[in-house]
Amino acid sequence: MRTQGSSTDLARALLDPAGTFDSPEEVVKSAGLSRDRKLEILCIWAYDAAELAVAEEEGMGGGELSQLDAVMSALNGLTGGYESERVAPTKHRGFCLSAKRRRTGTPA
């Protein structure tokens, strides 16, 4: 985390993960965050990255690059992978719903 330790930093991370952390891997390695907080931050980051990818696909690029692959890799590391067979049929793919199901044991 570019700045560490306070609840303000956590609030900022939940609003703007890419602006708070240098990489998704930094979230995974952050000793000050619980696994649930890491998943929450990475899911927000994944949604933001998917939005950027959709915008790029629709010809509205030119801003920051989507880090969707790096975020998915970090999520996979925390959850043991996500079930691509059981995700939402949208461009956002429902990866965080899948991660939450695996974490809590809720059936798909």
N, C-alpha and C. Protein backbone atom coordinates (compact mmCIF):
# COMPACT_ATOMS: atom_id res chain seq x y z
N MET A 1 0.85 -1.16 0.00
CA MET A 1 0.00 0.00 0.00
C MET A 1 0.90 1.22 0.00
N ARG A 2 0.56 2.17 -0.80
CA ARG A 2 1.42 3.35 -0.91
C ARG A 2 1.51 4.09 0.42
N THR A 3 0.42 4.13 1.14
CA THR A 3 0.43 4.63 2.52
C THR A 3 -0.14 3.52 3.37
N GLN A 4 0.30 3.39 4.60
CA GLN A 4 -0.06 2.18 5.33
C GLN A 4 -0.76 2.44 6.64
N GLY A 5 -1.66 1.49 6.94
CA GLY A 5 -2.10 1.33 8.30
C GLY A 5 -3.39 1.97 8.75
N SER A 6 -3.84 3.06 8.24
CA SER A 6 -5.00 3.71 8.83
C SER A 6 -6.29 3.25 8.18
N SER A 7 -7.41 3.55 8.86
CA SER A 7 -8.71 3.21 8.30
C SER A 7 -8.99 4.06 7.06
N THR A 8 -8.37 5.24 6.99
CA THR A 8 -8.49 6.07 5.80
C THR A 8 -7.87 5.37 4.60
N ASP A 9 -6.73 4.71 4.81
CA ASP A 9 -6.08 3.97 3.74
C ASP A 9 -6.97 2.83 3.26
N LEU A 10 -7.61 2.13 4.19
CA LEU A 10 -8.51 1.05 3.81
C LEU A 10 -9.70 1.59 3.04
N ALA A 11 -10.25 2.68 3.50
CA ALA A 11 -11.39 3.28 2.79
C ALA A 11 -10.98 3.68 1.38
N ARG A 12 -9.80 4.23 1.24
CA ARG A 12 -9.29 4.61 -0.08
C ARG A 12 -9.09 3.37 -0.95
N ALA A 13 -8.54 2.31 -0.36
CA ALA A 13 -8.31 1.07 -1.11
C ALA A 13 -9.62 0.48 -1.61
N LEU A 14 -10.68 0.60 -0.81
CA LEU A 14 -11.98 0.07 -1.22
C LEU A 14 -12.62 0.91 -2.31
N LEU A 15 -12.26 2.19 -2.39
CA LEU A 15 -12.78 3.06 -3.44
C LEU A 15 -11.93 3.04 -4.70
N ASP A 16 -10.61 2.93 -4.52
CA ASP A 16 -9.69 3.03 -5.65
C ASP A 16 -8.49 2.12 -5.44
N PRO A 17 -8.69 0.81 -5.63
CA PRO A 17 -7.58 -0.12 -5.39
C PRO A 17 -6.36 0.18 -6.25
N ALA A 18 -6.56 0.50 -7.51
CA ALA A 18 -5.44 0.76 -8.42
C ALA A 18 -4.68 2.02 -8.04
N GLY A 19 -5.35 2.95 -7.41
CA GLY A 19 -4.71 4.17 -6.96
C GLY A 19 -4.05 4.03 -5.60
N THR A 20 -4.35 2.94 -4.90
CA THR A 20 -3.82 2.71 -3.57
C THR A 20 -2.67 1.72 -3.57
N PHE A 21 -2.77 0.69 -4.40
CA PHE A 21 -1.75 -0.35 -4.49
C PHE A 21 -1.04 -0.28 -5.83
N ASP A 22 0.24 -0.63 -5.84
CA ASP A 22 1.00 -0.63 -7.07
C ASP A 22 0.63 -1.79 -7.98
N SER A 23 0.17 -2.89 -7.39
CA SER A 23 -0.20 -4.07 -8.18
C SER A 23 -1.17 -4.93 -7.37
N PRO A 24 -1.95 -5.78 -8.04
CA PRO A 24 -2.81 -6.70 -7.32
C PRO A 24 -2.02 -7.63 -6.40
N GLU A 25 -0.83 -8.00 -6.80
CA GLU A 25 0.02 -8.87 -5.97
C GLU A 25 0.36 -8.20 -4.65
N GLU A 26 0.47 -6.88 -4.65
CA GLU A 26 0.74 -6.15 -3.41
C GLU A 26 -0.41 -6.31 -2.43
N VAL A 27 -1.64 -6.39 -2.94
CA VAL A 27 -2.79 -6.63 -2.08
C VAL A 27 -2.65 -7.99 -1.42
N VAL A 28 -2.33 -9.01 -2.21
CA VAL A 28 -2.18 -10.37 -1.70
C VAL A 28 -1.11 -10.44 -0.63
N LYS A 29 -0.02 -9.73 -0.81
CA LYS A 29 1.11 -9.77 0.12
C LYS A 29 0.95 -8.86 1.33
N SER A 30 -0.08 -8.04 1.35
CA SER A 30 -0.26 -7.07 2.43
C SER A 30 -0.59 -7.78 3.75
N ALA A 31 0.33 -7.69 4.70
CA ALA A 31 0.17 -8.36 5.99
C ALA A 31 -0.91 -7.69 6.85
N GLY A 32 -1.21 -6.44 6.58
CA GLY A 32 -2.18 -5.71 7.39
C GLY A 32 -3.62 -5.93 7.00
N LEU A 33 -3.87 -6.78 6.00
CA LEU A 33 -5.24 -7.02 5.55
C LEU A 33 -5.62 -8.48 5.76
N SER A 34 -6.85 -8.69 6.21
CA SER A 34 -7.35 -10.06 6.34
C SER A 34 -7.63 -10.61 4.94
N ARG A 35 -7.78 -11.91 4.85
CA ARG A 35 -8.09 -12.55 3.57
C ARG A 35 -9.39 -11.99 3.00
N ASP A 36 -10.40 -11.79 3.84
CA ASP A 36 -11.67 -11.25 3.37
C ASP A 36 -11.51 -9.84 2.80
N ARG A 37 -10.71 -9.01 3.47
CA ARG A 37 -10.46 -7.65 2.96
C ARG A 37 -9.71 -7.70 1.62
N LYS A 38 -8.74 -8.60 1.53
CA LYS A 38 -8.00 -8.76 0.27
C LYS A 38 -8.95 -9.14 -0.85
N LEU A 39 -9.84 -10.10 -0.58
CA LEU A 39 -10.81 -10.50 -1.59
C LEU A 39 -11.73 -9.34 -1.97
N GLU A 40 -12.16 -8.59 -0.98
CA GLU A 40 -13.04 -7.45 -1.23
C GLU A 40 -12.34 -6.42 -2.13
N ILE A 41 -11.12 -6.08 -1.80
CA ILE A 41 -10.36 -5.11 -2.59
C ILE A 41 -10.11 -5.63 -4.00
N LEU A 42 -9.72 -6.89 -4.11
CA LEU A 42 -9.45 -7.46 -5.43
C LEU A 42 -10.72 -7.58 -6.27
N CYS A 43 -11.86 -7.86 -5.65
CA CYS A 43 -13.11 -7.93 -6.40
C CYS A 43 -13.50 -6.54 -6.94
N ILE A 44 -13.30 -5.53 -6.14
CA ILE A 44 -13.55 -4.17 -6.61
C ILE A 44 -12.61 -3.85 -7.75
N TRP A 45 -11.35 -4.19 -7.59
CA TRP A 45 -10.35 -3.94 -8.63
C TRP A 45 -10.71 -4.71 -9.91
N ALA A 46 -11.16 -5.96 -9.75
CA ALA A 46 -11.54 -6.77 -10.90
C ALA A 46 -12.71 -6.13 -11.65
N TYR A 47 -13.69 -5.64 -10.92
CA TYR A 47 -14.83 -4.98 -11.55
C TYR A 47 -14.36 -3.74 -12.32
N ASP A 48 -13.53 -2.94 -11.67
CA ASP A 48 -13.00 -1.73 -12.33
C ASP A 48 -12.21 -2.09 -13.58
N ALA A 49 -11.38 -3.13 -13.48
CA ALA A 49 -10.57 -3.56 -14.62
C ALA A 49 -11.45 -4.09 -15.75
N ALA A 50 -12.51 -4.80 -15.40
CA ALA A 50 -13.43 -5.29 -16.42
C ALA A 50 -14.14 -4.13 -17.10
N GLU A 51 -14.51 -3.13 -16.35
CA GLU A 51 -15.13 -1.93 -16.93
C GLU A 51 -14.18 -1.26 -17.92
N LEU A 52 -12.91 -1.15 -17.55
CA LEU A 52 -11.92 -0.57 -18.45
C LEU A 52 -11.77 -1.40 -19.72
N ALA A 53 -11.77 -2.71 -19.56
CA ALA A 53 -11.64 -3.60 -20.72
C ALA A 53 -12.84 -3.46 -21.65
N VAL A 54 -14.03 -3.35 -21.08
CA VAL A 54 -15.23 -3.16 -21.89
C VAL A 54 -15.17 -1.82 -22.62
N ALA A 55 -14.76 -0.77 -21.93
CA ALA A 55 -14.63 0.55 -22.56
C ALA A 55 -13.63 0.50 -23.71
N GLU A 56 -12.52 -0.18 -23.50
CA GLU A 56 -11.50 -0.31 -24.55
C GLU A 56 -12.08 -1.05 -25.75
N GLU A 57 -12.81 -2.11 -25.46
CA GLU A 57 -13.44 -2.91 -26.52
C GLU A 57 -14.44 -2.08 -27.32
N GLU A 58 -15.07 -1.13 -26.68
CA GLU A 58 -16.06 -0.29 -27.33
C GLU A 58 -15.44 0.98 -27.92
N GLY A 59 -14.12 1.01 -27.98
CA GLY A 59 -13.43 2.14 -28.61
C GLY A 59 -13.29 3.37 -27.76
N MET A 60 -13.44 3.22 -26.46
CA MET A 60 -13.32 4.37 -25.56
C MET A 60 -12.06 4.29 -24.72
N GLY A 61 -10.99 3.77 -25.30
CA GLY A 61 -9.73 3.62 -24.58
C GLY A 61 -8.97 4.92 -24.51
N GLY A 62 -7.71 4.79 -24.19
CA GLY A 62 -6.85 5.96 -24.12
C GLY A 62 -6.50 6.35 -22.70
N GLY A 63 -7.15 5.74 -21.73
CA GLY A 63 -6.85 6.03 -20.33
C GLY A 63 -5.87 5.01 -19.80
N GLU A 64 -6.05 4.68 -18.54
CA GLU A 64 -5.17 3.68 -17.91
C GLU A 64 -5.44 2.30 -18.49
N LEU A 65 -4.47 1.43 -18.38
CA LEU A 65 -4.60 0.07 -18.88
C LEU A 65 -5.34 -0.80 -17.87
N SER A 66 -6.17 -1.70 -18.38
CA SER A 66 -6.85 -2.67 -17.53
C SER A 66 -5.83 -3.68 -17.01
N GLN A 67 -5.90 -4.00 -15.75
CA GLN A 67 -5.01 -5.00 -15.16
C GLN A 67 -5.79 -6.26 -14.84
N LEU A 68 -6.80 -6.57 -15.65
CA LEU A 68 -7.68 -7.68 -15.36
C LEU A 68 -6.94 -9.00 -15.20
N ASP A 69 -5.98 -9.29 -16.06
CA ASP A 69 -5.23 -10.55 -15.95
C ASP A 69 -4.49 -10.63 -14.62
N ALA A 70 -3.85 -9.54 -14.21
CA ALA A 70 -3.10 -9.54 -12.95
C ALA A 70 -4.04 -9.66 -11.76
N VAL A 71 -5.19 -9.01 -11.83
CA VAL A 71 -6.16 -9.10 -10.74
C VAL A 71 -6.71 -10.52 -10.64
N MET A 72 -7.03 -11.12 -11.80
CA MET A 72 -7.55 -12.49 -11.80
C MET A 72 -6.51 -13.46 -11.25
N SER A 73 -5.26 -13.24 -11.59
CA SER A 73 -4.19 -14.09 -11.06
C SER A 73 -4.11 -13.98 -9.54
N ALA A 74 -4.23 -12.76 -9.03
CA ALA A 74 -4.20 -12.55 -7.58
C ALA A 74 -5.41 -13.20 -6.91
N LEU A 75 -6.60 -13.05 -7.52
CA LEU A 75 -7.80 -13.70 -6.98
C LEU A 75 -7.66 -15.22 -7.00
N ASN A 76 -7.12 -15.74 -8.08
CA ASN A 76 -6.91 -17.18 -8.17
C ASN A 76 -5.98 -17.66 -7.08
N GLY A 77 -4.95 -16.88 -6.77
CA GLY A 77 -4.02 -17.25 -5.71
C GLY A 77 -4.68 -17.30 -4.34
N LEU A 78 -5.62 -16.39 -4.10
CA LEU A 78 -6.30 -16.35 -2.80
C LEU A 78 -7.40 -17.40 -2.68
N THR A 79 -8.04 -17.73 -3.79
CA THR A 79 -9.22 -18.61 -3.72
C THR A 79 -8.96 -20.01 -4.24
N GLY A 80 -7.79 -20.24 -4.81
CA GLY A 80 -7.54 -21.54 -5.41
C GLY A 80 -8.15 -21.65 -6.79
N GLY A 81 -8.51 -20.52 -7.38
CA GLY A 81 -9.10 -20.50 -8.72
C GLY A 81 -10.59 -20.24 -8.65
N TYR A 82 -11.13 -19.79 -9.75
CA TYR A 82 -12.56 -19.58 -9.79
C TYR A 82 -13.16 -20.52 -10.83
N GLU A 83 -14.41 -20.82 -10.65
CA GLU A 83 -15.07 -21.78 -11.51
C GLU A 83 -15.62 -21.09 -12.74
N SER A 84 -14.94 -21.22 -13.87
CA SER A 84 -15.37 -20.55 -15.08
C SER A 84 -16.66 -21.15 -15.63
N GLU A 85 -16.99 -22.36 -15.22
CA GLU A 85 -18.21 -23.01 -15.68
C GLU A 85 -19.45 -22.44 -14.99
N ARG A 86 -19.27 -21.82 -13.84
CA ARG A 86 -20.40 -21.39 -13.03
C ARG A 86 -20.34 -19.90 -12.75
N VAL A 87 -20.20 -19.11 -13.78
CA VAL A 87 -20.15 -17.66 -13.59
C VAL A 87 -21.21 -17.00 -14.44
N ALA A 88 -21.48 -15.76 -14.15
CA ALA A 88 -22.50 -15.01 -14.87
C ALA A 88 -22.13 -14.87 -16.35
N PRO A 89 -23.13 -14.90 -17.22
CA PRO A 89 -22.87 -14.79 -18.66
C PRO A 89 -22.72 -13.34 -19.11
N THR A 90 -21.94 -12.57 -18.38
CA THR A 90 -21.70 -11.17 -18.72
C THR A 90 -20.22 -10.96 -18.96
N LYS A 91 -19.88 -9.80 -19.44
CA LYS A 91 -18.47 -9.49 -19.64
C LYS A 91 -17.72 -9.43 -18.31
N HIS A 92 -18.44 -9.23 -17.22
CA HIS A 92 -17.80 -9.18 -15.90
C HIS A 92 -17.62 -10.57 -15.31
N ARG A 93 -18.25 -11.56 -15.87
CA ARG A 93 -18.06 -12.97 -15.59
C ARG A 93 -18.39 -13.41 -14.15
N GLY A 94 -18.78 -12.56 -13.27
CA GLY A 94 -19.18 -12.98 -11.95
C GLY A 94 -18.09 -13.64 -11.12
N PHE A 95 -16.81 -13.33 -11.40
CA PHE A 95 -15.71 -14.00 -10.71
C PHE A 95 -15.75 -13.79 -9.22
N CYS A 96 -16.22 -12.67 -8.75
CA CYS A 96 -16.22 -12.45 -7.31
C CYS A 96 -17.37 -13.19 -6.64
N LEU A 97 -18.48 -13.39 -7.32
CA LEU A 97 -19.54 -14.23 -6.77
C LEU A 97 -19.02 -15.65 -6.61
N SER A 98 -18.29 -16.11 -7.59
CA SER A 98 -17.72 -17.45 -7.52
C SER A 98 -16.73 -17.55 -6.37
N ALA A 99 -15.89 -16.55 -6.20
CA ALA A 99 -14.90 -16.56 -5.11
C ALA A 99 -15.60 -16.59 -3.76
N LYS A 100 -16.69 -15.83 -3.61
CA LYS A 100 -17.42 -15.80 -2.35
C LYS A 100 -18.08 -17.15 -2.08
N ARG A 101 -18.64 -17.77 -3.12
CA ARG A 101 -19.26 -19.08 -2.94
C ARG A 101 -18.23 -20.09 -2.45
N ARG A 102 -17.06 -20.07 -3.06
CA ARG A 102 -16.01 -21.03 -2.68
C ARG A 102 -15.55 -20.78 -1.26
N ARG A 103 -15.49 -19.50 -0.87
CA ARG A 103 -15.01 -19.15 0.46
C ARG A 103 -16.01 -19.59 1.52
N THR A 104 -17.32 -19.40 1.26
CA THR A 104 -18.31 -19.69 2.27
C THR A 104 -18.92 -21.07 2.14
N GLY A 105 -18.67 -21.74 1.02
CA GLY A 105 -19.23 -23.05 0.81
C GLY A 105 -20.67 -23.03 0.33
N THR A 106 -21.17 -21.84 -0.04
CA THR A 106 -22.53 -21.71 -0.55
C THR A 106 -22.61 -22.38 -1.91
N PRO A 107 -23.61 -23.18 -2.17
CA PRO A 107 -23.73 -23.83 -3.48
C PRO A 107 -23.94 -22.82 -4.59
N ALA A 108 -23.44 -23.16 -5.76
CA ALA A 108 -23.56 -22.27 -6.93
C ALA A 108 -24.97 -22.23 -7.45
